[in-house]
Amino acid sequence: MPDVTVVRRLRFNAAHRVHNPALSDEENRELFGKCNNPHGHGHNYELEVCVTGPVDPRTGYVIDLGIVRDVAGRLVVDAMDHKHLNHDVPFLRGVNPTTENIVVAIWNLLAPRIAPGRLARLRLWETENNYVEYEGR
């Protein structure tokens, strides 16, 4: 059977502050601008979870998208929705929560738990104009 990629989209809302504690407050303000607001700022995130694999001849599925919904919902959405990513999300402790760092952390949570099929790509939308893709490399 050919490999096919299926995609599940999930949404969550969260706040964060882009800040590198190794830099001075002035350097952080210069580097990150309004994203360095001391109280943080929020986004309506959208996560696309892409799973690739052969189509199972018995089911016609690569993976039941309900499994993807449940796993990503439990590990990502439940952990991050309406949270402050700098303070409330254990798997992001000590991480500067840029979209790039967030998507890698999400990959590390999901990749070992997606089966059948394999996690092929994550796309994390921070705004309607900006997203980051990660393919686990």
N, C-alpha and C. Protein backbone atom coordinates (compact mmCIF):
# COMPACT_ATOMS: atom_id res chain seq x y z
N MET A 1 0.83 -1.18 0.00
CA MET A 1 0.00 0.00 0.00
C MET A 1 0.88 1.25 0.00
N PRO A 2 0.43 2.30 -0.63
CA PRO A 2 1.21 3.55 -0.62
C PRO A 2 1.12 4.24 0.74
N ASP A 3 2.14 5.05 1.04
CA ASP A 3 2.08 5.88 2.24
C ASP A 3 1.19 7.08 1.96
N VAL A 4 0.39 7.42 2.94
CA VAL A 4 -0.52 8.56 2.87
C VAL A 4 -0.33 9.36 4.16
N THR A 5 -0.49 10.67 4.07
CA THR A 5 -0.41 11.52 5.25
C THR A 5 -1.80 12.03 5.60
N VAL A 6 -2.18 11.86 6.87
CA VAL A 6 -3.44 12.38 7.38
C VAL A 6 -3.12 13.48 8.39
N VAL A 7 -4.04 14.42 8.53
CA VAL A 7 -3.79 15.59 9.37
C VAL A 7 -4.97 15.82 10.31
N ARG A 8 -4.66 16.04 11.56
CA ARG A 8 -5.67 16.44 12.56
C ARG A 8 -5.30 17.83 13.06
N ARG A 9 -6.26 18.73 13.11
CA ARG A 9 -6.05 20.10 13.57
C ARG A 9 -6.67 20.25 14.96
N LEU A 10 -5.90 20.87 15.87
CA LEU A 10 -6.37 21.14 17.22
C LEU A 10 -6.10 22.60 17.55
N ARG A 11 -6.87 23.15 18.45
CA ARG A 11 -6.70 24.55 18.82
C ARG A 11 -6.58 24.69 20.33
N PHE A 12 -5.77 25.68 20.73
CA PHE A 12 -5.68 26.04 22.14
C PHE A 12 -5.27 27.50 22.24
N ASN A 13 -5.59 28.10 23.37
CA ASN A 13 -5.26 29.50 23.63
C ASN A 13 -4.27 29.52 24.79
N ALA A 14 -3.22 30.32 24.65
CA ALA A 14 -2.22 30.37 25.71
C ALA A 14 -1.48 31.70 25.66
N ALA A 15 -0.89 32.04 26.80
CA ALA A 15 -0.06 33.23 26.91
C ALA A 15 1.40 32.80 27.06
N HIS A 16 2.30 33.70 26.68
CA HIS A 16 3.72 33.45 26.89
C HIS A 16 4.47 34.76 26.88
N ARG A 17 5.69 34.70 27.36
CA ARG A 17 6.62 35.82 27.27
C ARG A 17 7.89 35.29 26.64
N VAL A 18 8.28 35.87 25.53
CA VAL A 18 9.53 35.48 24.88
C VAL A 18 10.64 36.24 25.60
N HIS A 19 11.50 35.48 26.29
CA HIS A 19 12.51 36.09 27.16
C HIS A 19 13.66 35.12 27.36
N ASN A 20 14.86 35.61 27.22
CA ASN A 20 16.06 34.81 27.47
C ASN A 20 16.71 35.34 28.74
N PRO A 21 16.68 34.58 29.84
CA PRO A 21 17.22 35.06 31.11
C PRO A 21 18.73 35.30 31.09
N ALA A 22 19.41 34.77 30.09
CA ALA A 22 20.86 35.00 29.98
C ALA A 22 21.17 36.40 29.44
N LEU A 23 20.15 37.10 28.94
CA LEU A 23 20.33 38.45 28.40
C LEU A 23 19.79 39.48 29.38
N SER A 24 20.26 40.71 29.24
CA SER A 24 19.76 41.80 30.08
C SER A 24 18.32 42.13 29.66
N ASP A 25 17.61 42.84 30.55
CA ASP A 25 16.26 43.28 30.21
C ASP A 25 16.27 44.12 28.94
N GLU A 26 17.27 44.99 28.82
CA GLU A 26 17.37 45.85 27.63
C GLU A 26 17.59 45.01 26.36
N GLU A 27 18.48 44.02 26.44
CA GLU A 27 18.72 43.15 25.27
C GLU A 27 17.46 42.38 24.89
N ASN A 28 16.74 41.88 25.90
CA ASN A 28 15.49 41.17 25.63
C ASN A 28 14.48 42.08 24.96
N ARG A 29 14.33 43.32 25.45
CA ARG A 29 13.38 44.25 24.83
C ARG A 29 13.77 44.55 23.39
N GLU A 30 15.08 44.76 23.15
CA GLU A 30 15.54 45.04 21.79
C GLU A 30 15.31 43.86 20.87
N LEU A 31 15.60 42.67 21.36
CA LEU A 31 15.51 41.46 20.54
C LEU A 31 14.07 41.02 20.29
N PHE A 32 13.23 41.05 21.31
CA PHE A 32 11.90 40.46 21.23
C PHE A 32 10.76 41.46 21.18
N GLY A 33 11.05 42.75 21.40
CA GLY A 33 10.03 43.79 21.30
C GLY A 33 8.82 43.52 22.18
N LYS A 34 7.62 43.71 21.60
CA LYS A 34 6.39 43.56 22.39
C LYS A 34 6.17 42.13 22.87
N CYS A 35 6.84 41.17 22.26
CA CYS A 35 6.73 39.78 22.70
C CYS A 35 7.41 39.55 24.05
N ASN A 36 8.16 40.56 24.52
CA ASN A 36 8.86 40.48 25.80
C ASN A 36 8.09 41.19 26.91
N ASN A 37 6.84 41.52 26.69
CA ASN A 37 6.02 42.16 27.71
C ASN A 37 6.17 41.37 29.03
N PRO A 38 6.51 42.03 30.13
CA PRO A 38 6.73 41.32 31.39
C PRO A 38 5.56 40.45 31.85
N HIS A 39 4.34 40.81 31.46
CA HIS A 39 3.17 40.03 31.86
C HIS A 39 2.75 39.03 30.79
N GLY A 40 3.46 39.00 29.69
CA GLY A 40 3.15 38.08 28.61
C GLY A 40 2.10 38.64 27.66
N HIS A 41 1.76 37.85 26.68
CA HIS A 41 0.73 38.17 25.70
C HIS A 41 0.17 36.85 25.20
N GLY A 42 -0.99 36.88 24.57
CA GLY A 42 -1.65 35.64 24.22
C GLY A 42 -1.79 35.39 22.73
N HIS A 43 -2.03 34.12 22.42
CA HIS A 43 -2.26 33.68 21.04
C HIS A 43 -3.37 32.64 21.02
N ASN A 44 -4.04 32.58 19.89
CA ASN A 44 -4.97 31.50 19.59
C ASN A 44 -4.20 30.54 18.69
N TYR A 45 -3.56 29.55 19.29
CA TYR A 45 -2.71 28.63 18.54
C TYR A 45 -3.56 27.60 17.79
N GLU A 46 -3.01 27.14 16.68
CA GLU A 46 -3.61 26.04 15.93
C GLU A 46 -2.49 25.05 15.62
N LEU A 47 -2.69 23.81 15.99
CA LEU A 47 -1.69 22.76 15.80
C LEU A 47 -2.19 21.76 14.77
N GLU A 48 -1.39 21.51 13.75
CA GLU A 48 -1.69 20.46 12.77
C GLU A 48 -0.74 19.29 13.03
N VAL A 49 -1.32 18.14 13.29
CA VAL A 49 -0.56 16.93 13.55
C VAL A 49 -0.68 16.04 12.31
N CYS A 50 0.45 15.82 11.64
CA CYS A 50 0.48 15.06 10.38
C CYS A 50 1.10 13.69 10.62
N VAL A 51 0.37 12.65 10.29
CA VAL A 51 0.81 11.27 10.50
C VAL A 51 0.86 10.57 9.15
N THR A 52 1.99 9.92 8.87
CA THR A 52 2.22 9.25 7.59
C THR A 52 2.38 7.75 7.81
N GLY A 53 1.86 6.99 6.86
CA GLY A 53 2.04 5.55 6.91
C GLY A 53 1.23 4.87 5.82
N PRO A 54 1.36 3.57 5.76
CA PRO A 54 0.58 2.83 4.76
C PRO A 54 -0.89 2.77 5.16
N VAL A 55 -1.74 2.70 4.17
CA VAL A 55 -3.16 2.55 4.42
C VAL A 55 -3.42 1.09 4.80
N ASP A 56 -4.03 0.89 5.95
CA ASP A 56 -4.36 -0.46 6.41
C ASP A 56 -5.47 -1.01 5.52
N PRO A 57 -5.23 -2.14 4.85
CA PRO A 57 -6.26 -2.67 3.94
C PRO A 57 -7.55 -3.06 4.65
N ARG A 58 -7.47 -3.38 5.93
CA ARG A 58 -8.66 -3.78 6.67
C ARG A 58 -9.54 -2.58 7.02
N THR A 59 -8.90 -1.48 7.48
CA THR A 59 -9.67 -0.32 7.95
C THR A 59 -9.77 0.79 6.91
N GLY A 60 -8.79 0.85 5.99
CA GLY A 60 -8.72 1.96 5.06
C GLY A 60 -8.07 3.20 5.67
N TYR A 61 -7.57 3.08 6.91
CA TYR A 61 -6.95 4.19 7.63
C TYR A 61 -5.44 4.05 7.66
N VAL A 62 -4.75 5.20 7.74
CA VAL A 62 -3.36 5.22 8.19
C VAL A 62 -3.36 5.09 9.70
N ILE A 63 -4.20 5.90 10.33
CA ILE A 63 -4.46 5.88 11.77
C ILE A 63 -5.85 6.45 11.97
N ASP A 64 -6.55 5.97 12.94
CA ASP A 64 -7.84 6.55 13.29
C ASP A 64 -7.58 7.96 13.83
N LEU A 65 -8.10 8.98 13.17
CA LEU A 65 -7.85 10.35 13.60
C LEU A 65 -8.41 10.65 14.98
N GLY A 66 -9.31 9.82 15.46
CA GLY A 66 -9.78 9.95 16.84
C GLY A 66 -8.65 9.65 17.83
N ILE A 67 -7.76 8.75 17.46
CA ILE A 67 -6.60 8.46 18.32
C ILE A 67 -5.69 9.68 18.36
N VAL A 68 -5.43 10.27 17.21
CA VAL A 68 -4.59 11.47 17.15
C VAL A 68 -5.24 12.58 17.99
N ARG A 69 -6.54 12.78 17.81
CA ARG A 69 -7.27 13.79 18.59
C ARG A 69 -7.13 13.55 20.08
N ASP A 70 -7.31 12.31 20.51
CA ASP A 70 -7.27 12.00 21.94
C ASP A 70 -5.88 12.16 22.52
N VAL A 71 -4.87 11.65 21.82
CA VAL A 71 -3.49 11.74 22.33
C VAL A 71 -3.02 13.19 22.36
N ALA A 72 -3.17 13.91 21.25
CA ALA A 72 -2.74 15.31 21.21
C ALA A 72 -3.60 16.18 22.12
N GLY A 73 -4.86 15.85 22.23
CA GLY A 73 -5.73 16.60 23.13
C GLY A 73 -5.30 16.47 24.58
N ARG A 74 -5.00 15.26 24.98
CA ARG A 74 -4.59 15.01 26.37
C ARG A 74 -3.22 15.60 26.67
N LEU A 75 -2.24 15.35 25.78
CA LEU A 75 -0.87 15.75 26.07
C LEU A 75 -0.56 17.21 25.77
N VAL A 76 -1.25 17.78 24.79
CA VAL A 76 -0.94 19.15 24.37
C VAL A 76 -2.04 20.11 24.79
N VAL A 77 -3.23 19.92 24.27
CA VAL A 77 -4.30 20.88 24.50
C VAL A 77 -4.63 20.97 25.99
N ASP A 78 -4.84 19.84 26.64
CA ASP A 78 -5.18 19.88 28.07
C ASP A 78 -4.06 20.52 28.89
N ALA A 79 -2.82 20.32 28.49
CA ALA A 79 -1.68 20.88 29.24
C ALA A 79 -1.47 22.36 28.98
N MET A 80 -1.87 22.87 27.79
CA MET A 80 -1.51 24.23 27.39
C MET A 80 -2.68 25.20 27.28
N ASP A 81 -3.89 24.71 27.12
CA ASP A 81 -5.02 25.59 26.87
C ASP A 81 -5.30 26.49 28.07
N HIS A 82 -5.37 27.80 27.80
CA HIS A 82 -5.62 28.83 28.81
C HIS A 82 -4.58 28.81 29.92
N LYS A 83 -3.34 28.54 29.53
CA LYS A 83 -2.22 28.53 30.47
C LYS A 83 -1.20 29.59 30.06
N HIS A 84 -0.33 29.93 31.01
CA HIS A 84 0.83 30.78 30.70
C HIS A 84 1.98 29.81 30.49
N LEU A 85 2.49 29.76 29.27
CA LEU A 85 3.47 28.74 28.90
C LEU A 85 4.77 28.85 29.69
N ASN A 86 5.13 30.03 30.14
CA ASN A 86 6.36 30.20 30.92
C ASN A 86 6.23 29.62 32.33
N HIS A 87 5.00 29.56 32.86
CA HIS A 87 4.82 29.22 34.27
C HIS A 87 4.03 27.94 34.52
N ASP A 88 3.10 27.62 33.64
CA ASP A 88 2.10 26.59 33.94
C ASP A 88 2.29 25.25 33.24
N VAL A 89 3.25 25.16 32.33
CA VAL A 89 3.37 23.95 31.51
C VAL A 89 4.70 23.25 31.85
N PRO A 90 4.64 22.14 32.57
CA PRO A 90 5.88 21.50 33.03
C PRO A 90 6.87 21.16 31.92
N PHE A 91 6.39 20.70 30.76
CA PHE A 91 7.35 20.31 29.72
C PHE A 91 8.01 21.51 29.03
N LEU A 92 7.60 22.73 29.39
CA LEU A 92 8.24 23.93 28.85
C LEU A 92 9.06 24.69 29.91
N ARG A 93 9.16 24.14 31.11
CA ARG A 93 9.94 24.82 32.16
C ARG A 93 11.37 25.00 31.70
N GLY A 94 11.86 26.22 31.85
CA GLY A 94 13.24 26.53 31.47
C GLY A 94 13.45 26.73 29.98
N VAL A 95 12.37 26.71 29.20
CA VAL A 95 12.46 26.88 27.75
C VAL A 95 11.91 28.25 27.39
N ASN A 96 12.63 28.98 26.56
CA ASN A 96 12.12 30.24 26.03
C ASN A 96 11.00 29.86 25.05
N PRO A 97 9.73 30.16 25.37
CA PRO A 97 8.62 29.61 24.59
C PRO A 97 8.35 30.33 23.27
N THR A 98 9.35 30.34 22.41
CA THR A 98 9.13 30.76 21.03
C THR A 98 8.31 29.66 20.34
N THR A 99 7.69 30.00 19.25
CA THR A 99 6.92 28.98 18.53
C THR A 99 7.82 27.84 18.10
N GLU A 100 9.06 28.15 17.73
CA GLU A 100 10.02 27.12 17.32
C GLU A 100 10.28 26.14 18.46
N ASN A 101 10.52 26.66 19.67
CA ASN A 101 10.79 25.79 20.81
C ASN A 101 9.55 25.02 21.24
N ILE A 102 8.39 25.65 21.14
CA ILE A 102 7.14 24.98 21.52
C ILE A 102 6.89 23.78 20.61
N VAL A 103 7.05 23.95 19.30
CA VAL A 103 6.74 22.86 18.37
C VAL A 103 7.70 21.68 18.57
N VAL A 104 8.96 21.95 18.89
CA VAL A 104 9.90 20.85 19.16
C VAL A 104 9.49 20.11 20.44
N ALA A 105 9.08 20.85 21.47
CA ALA A 105 8.65 20.21 22.72
C ALA A 105 7.40 19.35 22.49
N ILE A 106 6.47 19.85 21.68
CA ILE A 106 5.27 19.07 21.37
C ILE A 106 5.65 17.81 20.59
N TRP A 107 6.57 17.92 19.65
CA TRP A 107 7.03 16.75 18.90
C TRP A 107 7.54 15.68 19.86
N ASN A 108 8.37 16.09 20.80
CA ASN A 108 8.96 15.13 21.74
C ASN A 108 7.90 14.42 22.57
N LEU A 109 6.79 15.08 22.84
CA LEU A 109 5.68 14.44 23.55
C LEU A 109 4.92 13.45 22.66
N LEU A 110 4.64 13.87 21.43
CA LEU A 110 3.74 13.10 20.58
C LEU A 110 4.41 11.96 19.81
N ALA A 111 5.62 12.17 19.32
CA ALA A 111 6.25 11.20 18.41
C ALA A 111 6.23 9.77 18.94
N PRO A 112 6.59 9.53 20.20
CA PRO A 112 6.59 8.14 20.66
C PRO A 112 5.20 7.55 20.92
N ARG A 113 4.17 8.38 20.84
CA ARG A 113 2.83 7.92 21.20
C ARG A 113 1.88 7.81 20.00
N ILE A 114 2.36 8.08 18.82
CA ILE A 114 1.52 8.02 17.62
C ILE A 114 1.79 6.70 16.90
N ALA A 115 0.78 5.85 16.87
CA ALA A 115 0.88 4.57 16.16
C ALA A 115 -0.53 4.08 15.89
N PRO A 116 -0.78 3.37 14.84
CA PRO A 116 0.16 3.10 13.75
C PRO A 116 0.45 4.37 12.97
N GLY A 117 1.35 4.26 12.06
CA GLY A 117 1.85 5.43 11.35
C GLY A 117 2.94 6.08 12.17
N ARG A 118 3.51 7.13 11.60
CA ARG A 118 4.57 7.85 12.31
C ARG A 118 4.30 9.34 12.18
N LEU A 119 4.66 10.05 13.22
CA LEU A 119 4.53 11.50 13.19
C LEU A 119 5.46 12.02 12.10
N ALA A 120 4.91 12.72 11.13
CA ALA A 120 5.69 13.18 9.99
C ALA A 120 5.99 14.67 10.06
N ARG A 121 5.04 15.44 10.58
CA ARG A 121 5.23 16.89 10.61
C ARG A 121 4.24 17.48 11.61
N LEU A 122 4.70 18.53 12.28
CA LEU A 122 3.81 19.38 13.07
C LEU A 122 3.86 20.77 12.46
N ARG A 123 2.74 21.40 12.40
CA ARG A 123 2.67 22.81 11.98
C ARG A 123 1.92 23.52 13.11
N LEU A 124 2.61 24.49 13.72
CA LEU A 124 2.01 25.25 14.81
C LEU A 124 1.81 26.69 14.35
N TRP A 125 0.55 27.08 14.23
CA TRP A 125 0.18 28.44 13.85
C TRP A 125 0.13 29.27 15.12
N GLU A 126 0.87 30.38 15.13
CA GLU A 126 0.83 31.32 16.26
C GLU A 126 -0.17 32.44 15.98
N THR A 127 -0.22 32.86 14.73
CA THR A 127 -1.20 33.84 14.27
C THR A 127 -1.72 33.34 12.93
N GLU A 128 -2.69 34.05 12.36
CA GLU A 128 -3.20 33.63 11.06
C GLU A 128 -2.16 33.79 9.96
N ASN A 129 -1.09 34.54 10.24
CA ASN A 129 -0.05 34.77 9.24
C ASN A 129 1.27 34.05 9.52
N ASN A 130 1.47 33.55 10.73
CA ASN A 130 2.75 32.97 11.13
C ASN A 130 2.61 31.56 11.67
N TYR A 131 3.40 30.66 11.11
CA TYR A 131 3.45 29.30 11.65
C TYR A 131 4.87 28.77 11.54
N VAL A 132 5.10 27.70 12.30
CA VAL A 132 6.38 26.99 12.30
C VAL A 132 6.08 25.53 12.00
N GLU A 133 6.91 24.93 11.15
CA GLU A 133 6.81 23.49 10.86
C GLU A 133 8.02 22.78 11.43
N TYR A 134 7.79 21.56 11.88
CA TYR A 134 8.88 20.71 12.37
C TYR A 134 8.64 19.30 11.91
N GLU A 135 9.72 18.66 11.41
CA GLU A 135 9.63 17.29 10.90
C GLU A 135 10.52 16.33 11.66
N GLY A 136 10.92 16.71 12.85
CA GLY A 136 11.65 15.79 13.73
C GLY A 136 13.08 15.53 13.36
N ARG A 137 13.72 16.43 12.72
CA ARG A 137 15.11 16.21 12.35
C ARG A 137 16.07 16.73 13.36
